[in-house]
């Protein structure tokens, strides 16, 4: 008659019996806690490990933590945690510009070789690295 599921009616009825009219007030629809959140104590242990071994990458930290503490954490979770604590350094990028001419001049064939490695997205039956040489 009200157009609501029977289960909803009985859930409301149970809340009314237990709490009176206060039980019928709107409830937030979101869960009170994230189901897969890493506990704060474990998060601190991961940060401590990162500070003890700063040379380890987030992946290596995740593996080391999982192996030593017997508590699985993903590489992505470790990375987000390290970023939140400013513990991730940006990779150093070296910008190399092509020169207009070679520094060492050649006087004959086979004195200078040039190699070009270009990464391309893998395709079936292809290794993903293209290498060409010329003299």
C-alpha atoms as a PDB file:
ATOM      1  CA  UNK A   1       0.000   0.000   0.000  1.00  0.00           C
ATOM      2  CA  UNK A   2       2.908   2.421   0.731  1.00  0.00           C
ATOM      3  CA  UNK A   3       4.937   1.287  -2.288  1.00  0.00           C
ATOM      4  CA  UNK A   4       8.065   0.402  -0.277  1.00  0.00           C
ATOM      5  CA  UNK A   5       9.683  -3.009   0.058  1.00  0.00           C
ATOM      6  CA  UNK A   6       8.521  -5.100   2.987  1.00  0.00           C
ATOM      7  CA  UNK A   7      12.140  -5.311   4.270  1.00  0.00           C
ATOM      8  CA  UNK A   8      12.377  -1.499   4.378  1.00  0.00           C
ATOM      9  CA  UNK A   9       9.149  -1.246   6.362  1.00  0.00           C
ATOM     10  CA  UNK A  10      10.322  -3.770   8.950  1.00  0.00           C
ATOM     11  CA  UNK A  11      13.751  -2.113   9.216  1.00  0.00           C
ATOM     12  CA  UNK A  12      12.006   1.213   9.912  1.00  0.00           C
ATOM     13  CA  UNK A  13       9.605  -0.459  12.322  1.00  0.00           C
ATOM     14  CA  UNK A  14      12.481  -2.097  14.266  1.00  0.00           C
ATOM     15  CA  UNK A  15      14.282   1.269  14.522  1.00  0.00           C
ATOM     16  CA  UNK A  16      11.056   2.926  15.734  1.00  0.00           C
ATOM     17  CA  UNK A  17      10.532   0.253  18.404  1.00  0.00           C
ATOM     18  CA  UNK A  18      14.183   0.542  19.563  1.00  0.00           C
ATOM     19  CA  UNK A  19      14.683   4.336  19.373  1.00  0.00           C
ATOM     20  CA  UNK A  20      11.265   5.910  19.011  1.00  0.00           C
ATOM     21  CA  UNK A  21      10.872   8.773  16.520  1.00  0.00           C
ATOM     22  CA  UNK A  22      14.653   9.407  16.598  1.00  0.00           C
ATOM     23  CA  UNK A  23      15.094   6.022  14.911  1.00  0.00           C
ATOM     24  CA  UNK A  24      13.154   7.272  11.888  1.00  0.00           C
ATOM     25  CA  UNK A  25      15.445  10.240  11.170  1.00  0.00           C
ATOM     26  CA  UNK A  26      17.467  10.157   7.946  1.00  0.00           C
ATOM     27  CA  UNK A  27      20.602   8.060   8.155  1.00  0.00           C
ATOM     28  CA  UNK A  28      23.731   8.729   6.079  1.00  0.00           C
ATOM     29  CA  UNK A  29      23.874   6.246   3.189  1.00  0.00           C
ATOM     30  CA  UNK A  30      27.647   5.946   3.160  1.00  0.00           C
ATOM     31  CA  UNK A  31      29.397   3.382   5.349  1.00  0.00           C
ATOM     32  CA  UNK A  32      30.993   4.710   8.525  1.00  0.00           C
ATOM     33  CA  UNK A  33      34.332   3.077   7.744  1.00  0.00           C
ATOM     34  CA  UNK A  34      36.111   2.013   4.566  1.00  0.00           C
ATOM     35  CA  UNK A  35      36.204  -1.773   4.564  1.00  0.00           C
ATOM     36  CA  UNK A  36      39.718  -2.161   3.176  1.00  0.00           C
ATOM     37  CA  UNK A  37      41.516   0.719   4.887  1.00  0.00           C
ATOM     38  CA  UNK A  38      44.962  -0.177   6.189  1.00  0.00           C
ATOM     39  CA  UNK A  39      44.944   0.271   9.990  1.00  0.00           C
ATOM     40  CA  UNK A  40      46.866   3.299  11.285  1.00  0.00           C
ATOM     41  CA  UNK A  41      49.358   1.101  13.155  1.00  0.00           C
ATOM     42  CA  UNK A  42      50.219  -0.783   9.962  1.00  0.00           C
ATOM     43  CA  UNK A  43      50.422   2.488   7.998  1.00  0.00           C
ATOM     44  CA  UNK A  44      52.953   3.781  10.526  1.00  0.00           C
ATOM     45  CA  UNK A  45      54.981   0.566  10.261  1.00  0.00           C
ATOM     46  CA  UNK A  46      55.173   1.024   6.478  1.00  0.00           C
ATOM     47  CA  UNK A  47      56.319   4.645   6.875  1.00  0.00           C
ATOM     48  CA  UNK A  48      58.921   3.544   9.442  1.00  0.00           C
ATOM     49  CA  UNK A  49      60.225   0.892   7.039  1.00  0.00           C
ATOM     50  CA  UNK A  50      60.427   3.476   4.237  1.00  0.00           C
ATOM     51  CA  UNK A  51      62.437   5.784   6.491  1.00  0.00           C
ATOM     52  CA  UNK A  52      64.767   2.933   7.545  1.00  0.00           C
ATOM     53  CA  UNK A  53      65.356   1.810   3.945  1.00  0.00           C
ATOM     54  CA  UNK A  54      64.977   4.881   1.693  1.00  0.00           C
ATOM     55  CA  UNK A  55      66.621   3.146  -1.286  1.00  0.00           C
ATOM     56  CA  UNK A  56      63.647   0.769  -1.698  1.00  0.00           C
ATOM     57  CA  UNK A  57      60.978   1.540  -4.288  1.00  0.00           C
ATOM     58  CA  UNK A  58      57.281   1.381  -3.313  1.00  0.00           C
ATOM     59  CA  UNK A  59      57.113  -2.068  -4.924  1.00  0.00           C
ATOM     60  CA  UNK A  60      60.139  -3.316  -3.009  1.00  0.00           C
ATOM     61  CA  UNK A  61      58.732  -1.854   0.221  1.00  0.00           C
ATOM     62  CA  UNK A  62      55.403  -3.617  -0.337  1.00  0.00           C
ATOM     63  CA  UNK A  63      57.148  -6.949  -0.927  1.00  0.00           C
ATOM     64  CA  UNK A  64      59.521  -6.513   2.026  1.00  0.00           C
ATOM     65  CA  UNK A  65      56.656  -5.525   4.356  1.00  0.00           C
ATOM     66  CA  UNK A  66      54.488  -8.438   3.203  1.00  0.00           C
ATOM     67  CA  UNK A  67      57.374 -10.896   3.629  1.00  0.00           C
ATOM     68  CA  UNK A  68      58.548  -9.684   7.036  1.00  0.00           C
ATOM     69  CA  UNK A  69      55.251  -8.719   8.665  1.00  0.00           C
ATOM     70  CA  UNK A  70      53.007 -11.342   7.035  1.00  0.00           C
ATOM     71  CA  UNK A  71      50.521  -8.560   6.221  1.00  0.00           C
ATOM     72  CA  UNK A  72      49.771  -7.968   2.535  1.00  0.00           C
ATOM     73  CA  UNK A  73      49.923  -4.413   1.243  1.00  0.00           C
ATOM     74  CA  UNK A  74      49.829  -3.520  -2.426  1.00  0.00           C
ATOM     75  CA  UNK A  75      52.432  -1.463  -4.231  1.00  0.00           C
ATOM     76  CA  UNK A  76      49.744   1.138  -5.012  1.00  0.00           C
ATOM     77  CA  UNK A  77      48.793   1.468  -1.335  1.00  0.00           C
ATOM     78  CA  UNK A  78      52.426   1.880  -0.325  1.00  0.00           C
ATOM     79  CA  UNK A  79      52.949   4.467  -3.077  1.00  0.00           C
ATOM     80  CA  UNK A  80      49.891   6.520  -1.975  1.00  0.00           C
ATOM     81  CA  UNK A  81      51.063   6.347   1.639  1.00  0.00           C
ATOM     82  CA  UNK A  82      54.580   7.504   0.730  1.00  0.00           C
ATOM     83  CA  UNK A  83      53.204  10.359  -1.394  1.00  0.00           C
ATOM     84  CA  UNK A  84      51.009  11.456   1.525  1.00  0.00           C
ATOM     85  CA  UNK A  85      54.126  11.633   3.728  1.00  0.00           C
ATOM     86  CA  UNK A  86      56.300  13.345   1.062  1.00  0.00           C
ATOM     87  CA  UNK A  87      58.587  10.316   0.899  1.00  0.00           C
ATOM     88  CA  UNK A  88      58.497   9.806  -2.870  1.00  0.00           C
ATOM     89  CA  UNK A  89      61.167  11.594  -4.815  1.00  0.00           C
ATOM     90  CA  UNK A  90      60.671  12.560  -8.439  1.00  0.00           C
ATOM     91  CA  UNK A  91      62.878  10.687 -10.854  1.00  0.00           C
ATOM     92  CA  UNK A  92      65.749  12.698 -12.231  1.00  0.00           C
ATOM     93  CA  UNK A  93      65.278  13.360 -15.906  1.00  0.00           C
ATOM     94  CA  UNK A  94      68.370  13.992 -17.986  1.00  0.00           C
ATOM     95  CA  UNK A  95      67.623  15.944 -21.094  1.00  0.00           C
ATOM     96  CA  UNK A  96      70.006  15.064 -23.870  1.00  0.00           C
ATOM     97  CA  UNK A  97      70.008  17.167 -26.995  1.00  0.00           C
ATOM     98  CA  UNK A  98      71.316  16.006 -30.314  1.00  0.00           C
ATOM     99  CA  UNK A  99      74.492  17.734 -31.463  1.00  0.00           C
ATOM    100  CA  UNK A 100      74.801  19.295 -34.888  1.00  0.00           C
ATOM    101  CA  UNK A 101      77.915  17.224 -35.565  1.00  0.00           C
ATOM    102  CA  UNK A 102      79.971  14.467 -33.945  1.00  0.00           C
ATOM    103  CA  UNK A 103      82.774  15.515 -31.599  1.00  0.00           C
ATOM    104  CA  UNK A 104      85.142  12.907 -32.999  1.00  0.00           C
ATOM    105  CA  UNK A 105      85.511  13.196 -36.764  1.00  0.00           C
ATOM    106  CA  UNK A 106      85.851  10.048 -38.822  1.00  0.00           C
ATOM    107  CA  UNK A 107      88.326   9.491 -41.603  1.00  0.00           C
ATOM    108  CA  UNK A 108      87.008   6.165 -42.916  1.00  0.00           C
ATOM    109  CA  UNK A 109      84.193   3.606 -42.767  1.00  0.00           C
ATOM    110  CA  UNK A 110      83.368   1.693 -39.557  1.00  0.00           C
ATOM    111  CA  UNK A 111      84.985   4.249 -37.261  1.00  0.00           C
ATOM    112  CA  UNK A 112      81.701   5.452 -35.740  1.00  0.00           C
ATOM    113  CA  UNK A 113      78.469   3.577 -35.126  1.00  0.00           C
ATOM    114  CA  UNK A 114      75.175   5.030 -34.026  1.00  0.00           C
ATOM    115  CA  UNK A 115      72.457   3.018 -32.336  1.00  0.00           C
ATOM    116  CA  UNK A 116      68.886   4.069 -31.661  1.00  0.00           C
ATOM    117  CA  UNK A 117      66.669   2.327 -29.124  1.00  0.00           C
ATOM    118  CA  UNK A 118      63.017   3.251 -29.364  1.00  0.00           C
ATOM    119  CA  UNK A 119      60.359   1.750 -27.120  1.00  0.00           C
ATOM    120  CA  UNK A 120      57.055   1.015 -28.773  1.00  0.00           C
ATOM    121  CA  UNK A 121      53.907  -0.536 -27.346  1.00  0.00           C
ATOM    122  CA  UNK A 122      54.165  -4.337 -27.621  1.00  0.00           C
ATOM    123  CA  UNK A 123      52.222  -6.163 -30.294  1.00  0.00           C
ATOM    124  CA  UNK A 124      51.750  -9.926 -30.583  1.00  0.00           C
ATOM    125  CA  UNK A 125      54.903 -11.474 -31.974  1.00  0.00           C
ATOM    126  CA  UNK A 126      57.028  -8.346 -31.480  1.00  0.00           C
ATOM    127  CA  UNK A 127      59.552  -7.717 -28.698  1.00  0.00           C
ATOM    128  CA  UNK A 128      58.672  -4.044 -28.163  1.00  0.00           C
ATOM    129  CA  UNK A 129      62.191  -2.674 -28.707  1.00  0.00           C
ATOM    130  CA  UNK A 130      63.385  -1.417 -32.064  1.00  0.00           C
ATOM    131  CA  UNK A 131      67.111  -1.234 -32.666  1.00  0.00           C
ATOM    132  CA  UNK A 132      68.756   0.141 -35.743  1.00  0.00           C
ATOM    133  CA  UNK A 133      72.420   0.651 -36.481  1.00  0.00           C
ATOM    134  CA  UNK A 134      74.180   2.640 -39.139  1.00  0.00           C
ATOM    135  CA  UNK A 135      77.728   3.596 -40.000  1.00  0.00           C
END
